[in-house]
Amino acid sequence: MDFVTPVVDSPFDFGRIAAVNALSDVYAMGADPLFALNIVGFPVKALPLDVLGEILRGGAAVAAEAGIPVLGGHSIDFDVPVYGMAVTGRAKASRIRRNVGARPGDAVVLTKGLGTGILTSALRARVLSGAVKRLLAKGGGPEPDEEAAAVASMTRLNRHASRVAACFPVSAGTDVSGFGLLGHLREMLTGPGLAVEISMADVPVLPGARRLAAEGHAPEGSRKNLVAGRARLETGGVSDVDLLLLADAQTSGGLLLTVPDTEAGRLVAALREAGDAVSACIGRVLPAGERPAETIRIIP
């Protein structure tokens, strides 16, 4: 189950993003979704019901793309719009991917670009600031093509990535969401004293995200993620902007997978062929004892 408040202006796109985000947990575990239930909070006195209709239409479009029915749900009168889904899925017990279990020597693969938290934070700031303040402010938020790229990423199901990953010996997997790449990666290292090295140059980043982060745009959750994780980071030569990107709280992020290094190239090629064009090998799991346990070493 997952639900979010609006991250974009379009009610239809908001519905799509929220539905893809909810389905992502099922795909991350290597399961296939069976059906979904809508979760809705809506300010009925503040917004027209047509807006709610567009949100639900977006969710239904994603459910249809995923090949599942929406069997109903529950709604309440709420202060702000809230939408998401409870999704039931199915997987063979022997094939479930867990968010722990990375092994020494594994490669780390990411399937979507980072920066949705920063981009949507900039979008909200643009809406709230008003037209006059926008003209006077440093920067004007995302450009139209940057906003479109972010929406395209957040509305792309992780279905194909999950099915491709099922053909490889994945040791651990999760989707990147509210804890950011750093937080979810640290979860995957839980176990026999492992650490990881990440190459920032290889990490895919959404268009505009680095510029907007440098202008000061980021949700509070991203900043808190970075503060919480700093004690475990080795960051020689990496900028604060790049660290914030790595900690950025994602909505509908990609899959984060660890596989034997010998399989990484084939996995990335297969992911790109399936439509996840920015998929990349971004680092490697270090042997136990090479670095303090659960340390994340980031190199430029």
Protein backbone atom coordinates (compact mmCIF):
# COMPACT_ATOMS: atom_id res chain seq x y z
CA MET A 1 0.00 0.00 0.00
CA ASP A 2 1.27 3.44 -0.89
CA PHE A 3 -0.26 6.88 -1.38
CA VAL A 4 1.04 10.40 -1.96
CA THR A 5 -0.04 14.02 -2.12
CA PRO A 6 0.15 15.82 -5.50
CA VAL A 7 3.61 16.20 -7.02
CA VAL A 8 2.56 17.72 -10.37
CA ASP A 9 -0.12 20.17 -11.55
CA SER A 10 -2.06 17.76 -13.76
CA PRO A 11 -4.63 15.67 -11.79
CA PHE A 12 -4.46 12.97 -14.46
CA ASP A 13 -0.67 12.73 -14.28
CA PHE A 14 -0.84 12.79 -10.48
CA GLY A 15 -3.14 9.76 -10.61
CA ARG A 16 -0.78 7.97 -12.95
CA ILE A 17 2.29 8.72 -10.82
CA ALA A 18 0.60 7.61 -7.60
CA ALA A 19 -0.55 4.34 -9.18
CA VAL A 20 2.86 3.55 -10.67
CA ASN A 21 4.42 4.35 -7.30
CA ALA A 22 2.08 1.92 -5.52
CA LEU A 23 2.68 -0.86 -8.04
CA SER A 24 6.43 -0.42 -7.73
CA ASP A 25 6.73 -2.30 -4.43
CA VAL A 26 5.20 -5.40 -6.02
CA TYR A 27 7.52 -5.26 -9.03
CA ALA A 28 10.54 -4.63 -6.79
CA MET A 29 9.92 -7.96 -5.07
CA GLY A 30 9.75 -9.82 -8.38
CA ALA A 31 5.99 -10.34 -8.11
CA ASP A 32 3.17 -9.82 -10.60
CA PRO A 33 0.25 -7.61 -9.52
CA LEU A 34 -3.21 -9.23 -9.48
CA PHE A 35 -5.56 -6.37 -8.56
CA ALA A 36 -5.68 -3.01 -6.79
CA LEU A 37 -7.90 -0.98 -4.48
CA ASN A 38 -8.01 2.82 -4.63
CA ILE A 39 -7.09 4.90 -1.57
CA VAL A 40 -8.50 8.44 -1.78
CA GLY A 41 -8.55 11.56 0.36
CA PHE A 42 -10.14 14.59 -1.26
CA PRO A 43 -11.18 18.10 -0.12
CA VAL A 44 -14.73 18.00 -1.50
CA LYS A 45 -15.53 21.60 -0.47
CA ALA A 46 -12.33 23.09 -1.88
CA LEU A 47 -11.95 21.38 -5.25
CA PRO A 48 -14.45 20.31 -7.93
CA LEU A 49 -15.19 16.61 -8.22
CA ASP A 50 -13.97 16.76 -11.83
CA VAL A 51 -10.45 16.95 -10.39
CA LEU A 52 -11.03 13.74 -8.47
CA GLY A 53 -12.39 12.13 -11.61
CA GLU A 54 -9.17 12.97 -13.46
CA ILE A 55 -7.03 11.57 -10.64
CA LEU A 56 -8.97 8.28 -10.70
CA ARG A 57 -8.84 8.19 -14.50
CA GLY A 58 -5.05 8.42 -14.32
CA GLY A 59 -4.90 5.56 -11.82
CA ALA A 60 -7.20 3.45 -13.96
CA ALA A 61 -5.04 4.07 -17.03
CA VAL A 62 -1.98 2.74 -15.20
CA ALA A 63 -3.90 -0.28 -13.87
CA ALA A 64 -4.99 -1.07 -17.43
CA GLU A 65 -1.37 -0.77 -18.62
CA ALA A 66 -0.34 -3.16 -15.84
CA GLY A 67 -3.11 -5.56 -16.87
CA ILE A 68 -4.97 -5.55 -13.56
CA PRO A 69 -8.47 -4.51 -12.44
CA VAL A 70 -9.25 -1.88 -9.82
CA LEU A 71 -11.80 -3.64 -7.63
CA GLY A 72 -12.97 -0.66 -5.58
CA GLY A 73 -11.42 1.16 -2.66
CA HIS A 74 -12.15 3.72 0.03
CA SER A 75 -12.40 7.51 0.10
CA ILE A 76 -12.61 10.16 2.81
CA ASP A 77 -13.11 13.92 2.91
CA PHE A 78 -9.62 15.27 3.63
CA ASP A 79 -7.79 18.60 3.81
CA VAL A 80 -5.63 17.94 0.73
CA PRO A 81 -5.81 15.51 -2.20
CA VAL A 82 -4.29 12.12 -1.39
CA TYR A 83 -4.26 9.20 -3.79
CA GLY A 84 -2.69 5.77 -3.98
CA MET A 85 -3.45 2.07 -4.14
CA ALA A 86 -3.32 -1.11 -2.15
CA VAL A 87 -1.97 -3.70 -4.57
CA THR A 88 -2.11 -7.47 -4.20
CA GLY A 89 0.48 -9.47 -6.11
CA ARG A 90 1.78 -12.99 -6.44
CA ALA A 91 5.25 -14.51 -6.69
CA LYS A 92 6.88 -17.87 -6.25
CA ALA A 93 8.38 -17.98 -2.77
CA SER A 94 11.69 -19.14 -4.20
CA ARG A 95 11.87 -16.16 -6.58
CA ILE A 96 10.98 -13.28 -4.27
CA ARG A 97 13.55 -10.50 -4.30
CA ARG A 98 14.35 -9.06 -0.90
CA ASN A 99 15.90 -5.73 -0.01
CA VAL A 100 18.78 -7.42 1.83
CA GLY A 101 21.35 -9.96 0.72
CA ALA A 102 23.90 -8.11 -1.43
CA ARG A 103 27.11 -10.13 -1.80
CA PRO A 104 30.77 -9.11 -1.95
CA GLY A 105 31.81 -8.44 -5.53
CA ASP A 106 28.26 -7.70 -6.73
CA ALA A 107 27.66 -4.85 -9.13
CA VAL A 108 25.01 -2.27 -8.28
CA VAL A 109 22.51 -1.44 -11.04
CA LEU A 110 19.96 1.41 -11.13
CA THR A 111 17.12 1.57 -13.69
CA LYS A 112 15.83 5.19 -13.48
CA GLY A 113 17.41 8.59 -13.09
CA LEU A 114 17.48 10.34 -9.72
CA GLY A 115 16.00 13.74 -8.93
CA THR A 116 12.21 13.43 -8.83
CA GLY A 117 12.07 14.88 -5.32
CA ILE A 118 14.12 17.92 -6.33
CA LEU A 119 12.16 18.46 -9.55
CA THR A 120 8.74 18.17 -7.94
CA SER A 121 9.87 20.42 -5.08
CA ALA A 122 10.81 23.04 -7.67
CA LEU A 123 7.43 22.60 -9.37
CA ARG A 124 5.60 23.19 -6.09
CA ALA A 125 7.73 26.26 -5.37
CA ARG A 126 6.89 27.66 -8.80
CA VAL A 127 3.17 27.22 -8.23
CA LEU A 128 3.20 28.66 -4.70
CA SER A 129 5.46 31.62 -5.44
CA GLY A 130 3.13 33.28 -7.96
CA ALA A 131 3.96 34.73 -11.35
CA VAL A 132 5.57 37.98 -10.14
CA LYS A 133 7.84 36.29 -7.62
CA ARG A 134 8.77 33.70 -10.26
CA LEU A 135 10.09 36.41 -12.53
CA LEU A 136 12.17 37.91 -9.73
CA ALA A 137 13.43 34.65 -8.25
CA LYS A 138 16.71 33.02 -9.17
CA GLY A 139 15.77 30.35 -11.67
CA GLY A 140 12.21 29.60 -12.70
CA GLY A 141 11.80 25.96 -11.83
CA PRO A 142 12.03 23.12 -14.33
CA GLU A 143 11.91 23.87 -18.04
CA PRO A 144 9.00 22.23 -19.91
CA ASP A 145 11.23 19.47 -21.29
CA GLU A 146 12.67 18.81 -17.83
CA GLU A 147 9.19 18.57 -16.32
CA ALA A 148 8.13 16.23 -19.13
CA ALA A 149 11.14 13.99 -18.54
CA ALA A 150 10.36 13.79 -14.82
CA VAL A 151 6.71 12.90 -15.46
CA ALA A 152 7.74 10.30 -18.05
CA SER A 153 10.09 8.69 -15.53
CA MET A 154 7.55 8.70 -12.68
CA THR A 155 4.79 7.25 -14.88
CA ARG A 156 6.93 4.42 -16.30
CA LEU A 157 6.07 1.12 -14.67
CA ASN A 158 8.90 -0.97 -13.26
CA ARG A 159 7.22 -4.02 -14.82
CA HIS A 160 9.69 -4.52 -17.66
CA ALA A 161 12.69 -3.96 -15.38
CA SER A 162 11.30 -6.51 -12.92
CA ARG A 163 10.77 -9.12 -15.61
CA VAL A 164 14.24 -8.59 -17.05
CA ALA A 165 15.77 -8.87 -13.58
CA ALA A 166 13.98 -12.19 -13.08
CA CYS A 167 16.25 -13.69 -15.74
CA PHE A 168 19.40 -12.83 -13.77
CA PRO A 169 20.86 -14.00 -10.42
CA VAL A 170 19.84 -10.89 -8.45
CA SER A 171 21.04 -11.11 -4.85
CA ALA A 172 19.06 -8.12 -3.54
CA GLY A 173 16.58 -5.66 -4.96
CA THR A 174 14.33 -2.79 -4.00
CA ASP A 175 12.75 0.27 -5.51
CA VAL A 176 14.18 3.70 -4.76
CA SER A 177 11.59 5.77 -2.91
CA GLY A 178 11.41 8.00 0.16
CA PHE A 179 14.75 7.09 1.74
CA GLY A 180 16.67 8.02 -1.41
CA LEU A 181 19.33 5.94 -3.13
CA LEU A 182 21.65 6.14 -0.11
CA GLY A 183 19.05 4.93 2.38
CA HIS A 184 17.83 2.04 0.28
CA LEU A 185 21.36 1.01 -0.64
CA ARG A 186 22.33 0.92 3.02
CA GLU A 187 19.41 -1.47 3.67
CA MET A 188 20.76 -3.82 1.00
CA LEU A 189 24.13 -4.00 2.78
CA THR A 190 22.61 -5.26 6.01
CA GLY A 191 24.32 -8.51 6.90
CA PRO A 192 27.94 -9.68 6.93
CA GLY A 193 29.75 -6.36 7.32
CA LEU A 194 29.57 -5.19 3.72
CA ALA A 195 30.25 -1.75 2.23
CA VAL A 196 29.71 -0.31 -1.24
CA GLU A 197 31.47 2.05 -3.64
CA ILE A 198 29.36 4.29 -5.90
CA SER A 199 30.71 6.13 -8.94
CA MET A 200 28.83 9.44 -9.15
CA ALA A 201 29.80 9.82 -12.81
CA ASP A 202 27.81 6.67 -13.60
CA VAL A 203 24.64 7.56 -11.65
CA PRO A 204 21.80 8.60 -14.02
CA VAL A 205 20.24 11.94 -13.08
CA LEU A 206 17.06 13.44 -14.51
CA PRO A 207 17.46 16.55 -16.70
CA GLY A 208 17.47 19.74 -14.65
CA ALA A 209 17.77 18.05 -11.27
CA ARG A 210 21.39 18.99 -10.65
CA ARG A 211 20.80 22.63 -11.64
CA LEU A 212 17.70 22.94 -9.47
CA ALA A 213 19.46 21.34 -6.50
CA ALA A 214 22.25 23.89 -6.88
CA GLU A 215 19.57 26.64 -6.79
CA GLY A 216 18.38 25.32 -3.43
CA HIS A 217 15.37 23.23 -4.44
CA ALA A 218 14.92 20.01 -2.47
CA PRO A 219 12.18 18.55 -0.27
CA GLU A 220 12.78 18.43 3.46
CA GLY A 221 12.81 14.63 3.31
CA SER A 222 15.84 14.66 1.01
CA ARG A 223 17.77 16.94 3.34
CA LYS A 224 16.87 14.77 6.32
CA ASN A 225 17.99 11.66 4.42
CA LEU A 226 21.40 13.22 3.84
CA VAL A 227 21.80 14.30 7.47
CA ALA A 228 20.81 10.82 8.67
CA GLY A 229 23.24 9.07 6.33
CA ARG A 230 26.33 11.29 6.52
CA ALA A 231 27.97 9.29 9.29
CA ARG A 232 28.22 6.29 6.93
CA LEU A 233 29.53 8.20 3.91
CA GLU A 234 33.03 8.60 2.49
CA THR A 235 32.75 11.50 0.06
CA GLY A 236 36.13 12.77 -1.04
CA GLY A 237 35.79 15.14 -3.99
CA VAL A 238 31.99 14.81 -4.33
CA SER A 239 29.93 18.02 -4.22
CA ASP A 240 27.13 18.71 -1.76
CA VAL A 241 24.74 18.95 -4.72
CA ASP A 242 25.62 15.43 -5.83
CA LEU A 243 25.24 14.13 -2.28
CA LEU A 244 21.78 15.70 -2.14
CA LEU A 245 20.87 13.95 -5.39
CA LEU A 246 21.95 10.62 -3.93
CA ALA A 247 19.80 11.29 -0.85
CA ASP A 248 16.85 12.70 -2.80
CA ALA A 249 13.51 11.26 -1.69
CA GLN A 250 12.08 9.71 -4.84
CA THR A 251 8.48 9.31 -5.94
CA SER A 252 8.08 6.34 -8.29
CA GLY A 253 11.81 5.75 -8.61
CA GLY A 254 13.56 2.92 -10.38
CA LEU A 255 14.74 -0.48 -9.24
CA LEU A 256 18.05 -0.87 -7.41
CA LEU A 257 19.58 -4.32 -7.98
CA THR A 258 22.75 -6.16 -7.04
CA VAL A 259 24.04 -8.93 -9.30
CA PRO A 260 27.37 -10.72 -9.77
CA ASP A 261 29.79 -8.40 -11.54
CA THR A 262 30.06 -10.82 -14.45
CA GLU A 263 26.33 -10.39 -15.15
CA ALA A 264 26.11 -6.60 -14.84
CA GLY A 265 26.83 -5.76 -18.46
CA ARG A 266 24.25 -8.20 -19.78
CA LEU A 267 21.66 -7.01 -17.26
CA VAL A 268 22.12 -3.35 -18.18
CA ALA A 269 21.93 -4.15 -21.90
CA ALA A 270 18.74 -6.16 -21.40
CA LEU A 271 17.16 -3.39 -19.29
CA ARG A 272 17.93 -0.78 -21.92
CA GLU A 273 16.54 -3.00 -24.67
CA ALA A 274 13.32 -3.39 -22.62
CA GLY A 275 12.84 0.38 -22.46
CA ASP A 276 14.74 1.48 -19.34
CA ALA A 277 17.16 3.51 -21.41
CA VAL A 278 19.12 5.13 -18.58
CA SER A 279 19.82 1.89 -16.70
CA ALA A 280 23.43 1.81 -15.52
CA CYS A 281 25.92 -0.02 -13.36
CA ILE A 282 26.69 2.59 -10.71
CA GLY A 283 29.01 0.79 -8.29
CA ARG A 284 30.14 -2.37 -6.57
CA VAL A 285 29.75 -4.12 -3.25
CA LEU A 286 33.05 -4.28 -1.38
CA PRO A 287 34.34 -7.33 0.47
CA ALA A 288 33.73 -7.50 4.20
CA GLY A 289 36.50 -5.70 6.08
CA GLU A 290 37.63 -3.48 3.20
CA ARG A 291 35.57 -0.62 4.65
CA PRO A 292 33.59 -0.30 7.90
CA ALA A 293 30.26 -2.15 7.69
CA GLU A 294 27.47 -0.36 5.79
CA THR A 295 29.82 2.39 4.64
CA ILE A 296 28.96 3.97 1.29
CA ARG A 297 32.06 5.30 -0.45
CA ILE A 298 31.24 7.78 -3.20
CA ILE A 299 33.81 8.66 -5.83
CA PRO A 300 33.43 11.47 -8.43
